[in-house]
Amino acid sequence: QVQLVESGGGLVQAGGSLRLSCAASGRTFSIYSMGWFRQVPGNEREFVCAISGTGDMTDYADSVEGRFTISRDNAKKTVYLEMNSLRPEDTAVYSCAARPVSWSVNPGMYYFWGQGTQVTVSS
């Protein structure tokens, strides 16, 4: 079982950057693929990006490709989301999630979730 805790959210001006962190518990963190999702009130949860257990493979939503970077440090049991060139439409609650072995763009395929961290991008 994995417990996840996000941090790093906050208020940033358009064009700025933030780094989100997701700290995990558990002894087998490296076997889990990790995903970042975001949700705006009234909208469905949206896939942002994902990374394989070893960190060698990544996947990004078209809306964030080239602006966001997912990475992980298995020794620290932490996954990161570097967000650059932020836009007001990036405003959302960002959550990290874990599932065994392979990643998915479907939030329903993830077994473990953090509580989320708010990212607000102002104009």
C-alpha atoms as a PDB file:
ATOM      1  CA  GLN A   1       0.000   0.000   0.000  1.00  0.00           C
ATOM      2  CA  VAL A   2       1.149   3.533  -0.806  1.00  0.00           C
ATOM      3  CA  GLN A   3       0.275   6.770   0.929  1.00  0.00           C
ATOM      4  CA  LEU A   4       0.834   9.963  -1.050  1.00  0.00           C
ATOM      5  CA  VAL A   5       1.154  13.566   0.100  1.00  0.00           C
ATOM      6  CA  GLU A   6       1.431  16.467  -2.343  1.00  0.00           C
ATOM      7  CA  SER A   7       3.072  19.797  -1.653  1.00  0.00           C
ATOM      8  CA  GLY A   8       4.311  22.845  -3.521  1.00  0.00           C
ATOM      9  CA  GLY A   9       1.102  24.388  -4.742  1.00  0.00           C
ATOM     10  CA  GLY A  10       0.381  28.059  -4.431  1.00  0.00           C
ATOM     11  CA  LEU A  11      -0.315  31.284  -6.241  1.00  0.00           C
ATOM     12  CA  VAL A  12       1.837  32.262  -9.191  1.00  0.00           C
ATOM     13  CA  GLN A  13       1.578  34.841 -11.949  1.00  0.00           C
ATOM     14  CA  ALA A  14       1.080  33.804 -15.540  1.00  0.00           C
ATOM     15  CA  GLY A  15       4.377  32.821 -17.103  1.00  0.00           C
ATOM     16  CA  GLY A  16       5.819  31.741 -13.797  1.00  0.00           C
ATOM     17  CA  SER A  17       6.862  28.349 -12.509  1.00  0.00           C
ATOM     18  CA  LEU A  18       6.075  25.971  -9.679  1.00  0.00           C
ATOM     19  CA  ARG A  19       7.430  22.613  -8.606  1.00  0.00           C
ATOM     20  CA  LEU A  20       5.021  20.169  -7.054  1.00  0.00           C
ATOM     21  CA  SER A  21       6.211  17.244  -4.975  1.00  0.00           C
ATOM     22  CA  CYS A  22       4.477  14.018  -4.086  1.00  0.00           C
ATOM     23  CA  ALA A  23       6.017  12.131  -1.188  1.00  0.00           C
ATOM     24  CA  ALA A  24       5.204   8.441  -0.917  1.00  0.00           C
ATOM     25  CA  SER A  25       5.355   5.861   1.811  1.00  0.00           C
ATOM     26  CA  GLY A  26       5.890   2.156   1.340  1.00  0.00           C
ATOM     27  CA  ARG A  27       8.827  -0.129   0.591  1.00  0.00           C
ATOM     28  CA  THR A  28       7.954  -0.847  -3.049  1.00  0.00           C
ATOM     29  CA  PHE A  29       7.620   2.649  -4.464  1.00  0.00           C
ATOM     30  CA  SER A  30       9.705   1.827  -7.530  1.00  0.00           C
ATOM     31  CA  ILE A  31       7.218  -0.728  -8.893  1.00  0.00           C
ATOM     32  CA  TYR A  32       4.469   1.878  -9.120  1.00  0.00           C
ATOM     33  CA  SER A  33       3.866   4.102 -12.069  1.00  0.00           C
ATOM     34  CA  MET A  34       2.908   7.587 -10.960  1.00  0.00           C
ATOM     35  CA  GLY A  35       0.526  10.047 -12.508  1.00  0.00           C
ATOM     36  CA  TRP A  36      -0.433  13.661 -12.010  1.00  0.00           C
ATOM     37  CA  PHE A  37      -4.027  14.718 -12.518  1.00  0.00           C
ATOM     38  CA  ARG A  38      -5.814  18.017 -12.099  1.00  0.00           C
ATOM     39  CA  GLN A  39      -9.380  19.037 -11.490  1.00  0.00           C
ATOM     40  CA  VAL A  40     -11.317  22.285 -11.654  1.00  0.00           C
ATOM     41  CA  PRO A  41     -14.586  22.528  -9.721  1.00  0.00           C
ATOM     42  CA  GLY A  42     -17.415  21.355 -11.942  1.00  0.00           C
ATOM     43  CA  ASN A  43     -15.102  19.538 -14.347  1.00  0.00           C
ATOM     44  CA  GLU A  44     -13.909  15.967 -14.691  1.00  0.00           C
ATOM     45  CA  ARG A  45     -10.493  15.040 -13.400  1.00  0.00           C
ATOM     46  CA  GLU A  46      -7.953  15.537 -16.183  1.00  0.00           C
ATOM     47  CA  PHE A  47      -4.814  13.566 -16.946  1.00  0.00           C
ATOM     48  CA  VAL A  48      -1.676  15.702 -16.848  1.00  0.00           C
ATOM     49  CA  CYS A  49       1.286  13.332 -17.073  1.00  0.00           C
ATOM     50  CA  ALA A  50       2.657  10.012 -15.895  1.00  0.00           C
ATOM     51  CA  ILE A  51       5.965   8.280 -15.346  1.00  0.00           C
ATOM     52  CA  SER A  52       7.017   4.645 -15.211  1.00  0.00           C
ATOM     53  CA  GLY A  53       8.382   3.013 -12.087  1.00  0.00           C
ATOM     54  CA  THR A  54      11.991   3.370 -13.160  1.00  0.00           C
ATOM     55  CA  GLY A  55      11.493   6.849 -14.583  1.00  0.00           C
ATOM     56  CA  ASP A  56      12.589   5.838 -18.066  1.00  0.00           C
ATOM     57  CA  MET A  57       9.232   6.457 -19.744  1.00  0.00           C
ATOM     58  CA  THR A  58       6.918   9.457 -19.486  1.00  0.00           C
ATOM     59  CA  ASP A  59       3.656  10.585 -21.020  1.00  0.00           C
ATOM     60  CA  TYR A  60       2.099  14.058 -21.173  1.00  0.00           C
ATOM     61  CA  ALA A  61      -1.233  15.524 -22.046  1.00  0.00           C
ATOM     62  CA  ASP A  62      -1.092  17.705 -25.135  1.00  0.00           C
ATOM     63  CA  SER A  63      -2.100  20.716 -23.070  1.00  0.00           C
ATOM     64  CA  VAL A  64       1.077  20.573 -20.968  1.00  0.00           C
ATOM     65  CA  GLU A  65       3.599  19.007 -23.360  1.00  0.00           C
ATOM     66  CA  GLY A  66       6.719  21.126 -23.487  1.00  0.00           C
ATOM     67  CA  ARG A  67       5.782  23.123 -20.397  1.00  0.00           C
ATOM     68  CA  PHE A  68       5.564  20.513 -17.640  1.00  0.00           C
ATOM     69  CA  THR A  69       8.111  17.868 -16.685  1.00  0.00           C
ATOM     70  CA  ILE A  70       7.476  14.842 -14.496  1.00  0.00           C
ATOM     71  CA  SER A  71      10.353  13.145 -12.722  1.00  0.00           C
ATOM     72  CA  ARG A  72      10.925  10.858  -9.778  1.00  0.00           C
ATOM     73  CA  ASP A  73      13.566  10.055  -7.219  1.00  0.00           C
ATOM     74  CA  ASN A  74      12.957   6.535  -6.004  1.00  0.00           C
ATOM     75  CA  ALA A  75      15.597   6.812  -3.295  1.00  0.00           C
ATOM     76  CA  LYS A  76      13.572   9.688  -1.824  1.00  0.00           C
ATOM     77  CA  LYS A  77      10.244   8.048  -2.711  1.00  0.00           C
ATOM     78  CA  THR A  78       9.154  11.266  -4.348  1.00  0.00           C
ATOM     79  CA  VAL A  79       7.706  12.250  -7.704  1.00  0.00           C
ATOM     80  CA  TYR A  80       7.932  15.820  -8.979  1.00  0.00           C
ATOM     81  CA  LEU A  81       6.039  17.983 -11.401  1.00  0.00           C
ATOM     82  CA  GLU A  82       7.950  20.970 -12.752  1.00  0.00           C
ATOM     83  CA  MET A  83       5.502  23.446 -14.228  1.00  0.00           C
ATOM     84  CA  ASN A  84       6.817  26.248 -16.402  1.00  0.00           C
ATOM     85  CA  SER A  85       5.153  28.947 -18.487  1.00  0.00           C
ATOM     86  CA  LEU A  86       2.051  28.616 -16.378  1.00  0.00           C
ATOM     87  CA  ARG A  87      -1.224  29.916 -17.740  1.00  0.00           C
ATOM     88  CA  PRO A  88      -4.461  30.819 -15.967  1.00  0.00           C
ATOM     89  CA  GLU A  89      -6.093  27.733 -17.479  1.00  0.00           C
ATOM     90  CA  ASP A  90      -3.608  25.610 -15.520  1.00  0.00           C
ATOM     91  CA  THR A  91      -5.395  26.642 -12.333  1.00  0.00           C
ATOM     92  CA  ALA A  92      -6.662  23.487 -10.635  1.00  0.00           C
ATOM     93  CA  VAL A  93      -6.200  21.114  -7.753  1.00  0.00           C
ATOM     94  CA  TYR A  94      -3.300  18.848  -8.674  1.00  0.00           C
ATOM     95  CA  SER A  95      -3.195  15.310  -7.314  1.00  0.00           C
ATOM     96  CA  CYS A  96      -0.675  12.537  -7.646  1.00  0.00           C
ATOM     97  CA  ALA A  97      -1.688   8.911  -7.966  1.00  0.00           C
ATOM     98  CA  ALA A  98      -0.089   5.482  -8.108  1.00  0.00           C
ATOM     99  CA  ARG A  99      -0.878   2.194  -9.795  1.00  0.00           C
ATOM    100  CA  PRO A 100       1.104  -1.034 -10.163  1.00  0.00           C
ATOM    101  CA  VAL A 101       3.576  -1.403 -13.006  1.00  0.00           C
ATOM    102  CA  SER A 102       2.153   0.538 -15.947  1.00  0.00           C
ATOM    103  CA  TRP A 103       0.651   4.012 -16.118  1.00  0.00           C
ATOM    104  CA  SER A 104      -2.721   5.021 -17.462  1.00  0.00           C
ATOM    105  CA  VAL A 105      -4.447   8.216 -18.553  1.00  0.00           C
ATOM    106  CA  ASN A 106      -7.626   6.985 -16.864  1.00  0.00           C
ATOM    107  CA  PRO A 107      -7.863   8.165 -13.258  1.00  0.00           C
ATOM    108  CA  GLY A 108     -10.043   5.158 -12.483  1.00  0.00           C
ATOM    109  CA  MET A 109      -7.052   2.895 -13.062  1.00  0.00           C
ATOM    110  CA  TYR A 110      -5.077   4.390 -10.174  1.00  0.00           C
ATOM    111  CA  TYR A 111      -5.336   2.729  -6.787  1.00  0.00           C
ATOM    112  CA  PHE A 112      -3.744   5.317  -4.501  1.00  0.00           C
ATOM    113  CA  TRP A 113      -4.259   9.070  -4.384  1.00  0.00           C
ATOM    114  CA  GLY A 114      -2.953  12.047  -2.510  1.00  0.00           C
ATOM    115  CA  GLN A 115      -5.219  14.776  -1.192  1.00  0.00           C
ATOM    116  CA  GLY A 116      -4.167  17.301  -3.808  1.00  0.00           C
ATOM    117  CA  THR A 117      -2.561  20.714  -3.782  1.00  0.00           C
ATOM    118  CA  GLN A 118      -4.060  23.908  -5.168  1.00  0.00           C
ATOM    119  CA  VAL A 119      -2.313  25.692  -8.019  1.00  0.00           C
ATOM    120  CA  THR A 120      -3.646  29.118  -8.903  1.00  0.00           C
ATOM    121  CA  VAL A 121      -2.264  31.083 -11.836  1.00  0.00           C
ATOM    122  CA  SER A 122      -3.189  34.739 -12.008  1.00  0.00           C
ATOM    123  CA  SER A 123      -3.133  37.003 -15.037  1.00  0.00           C
END
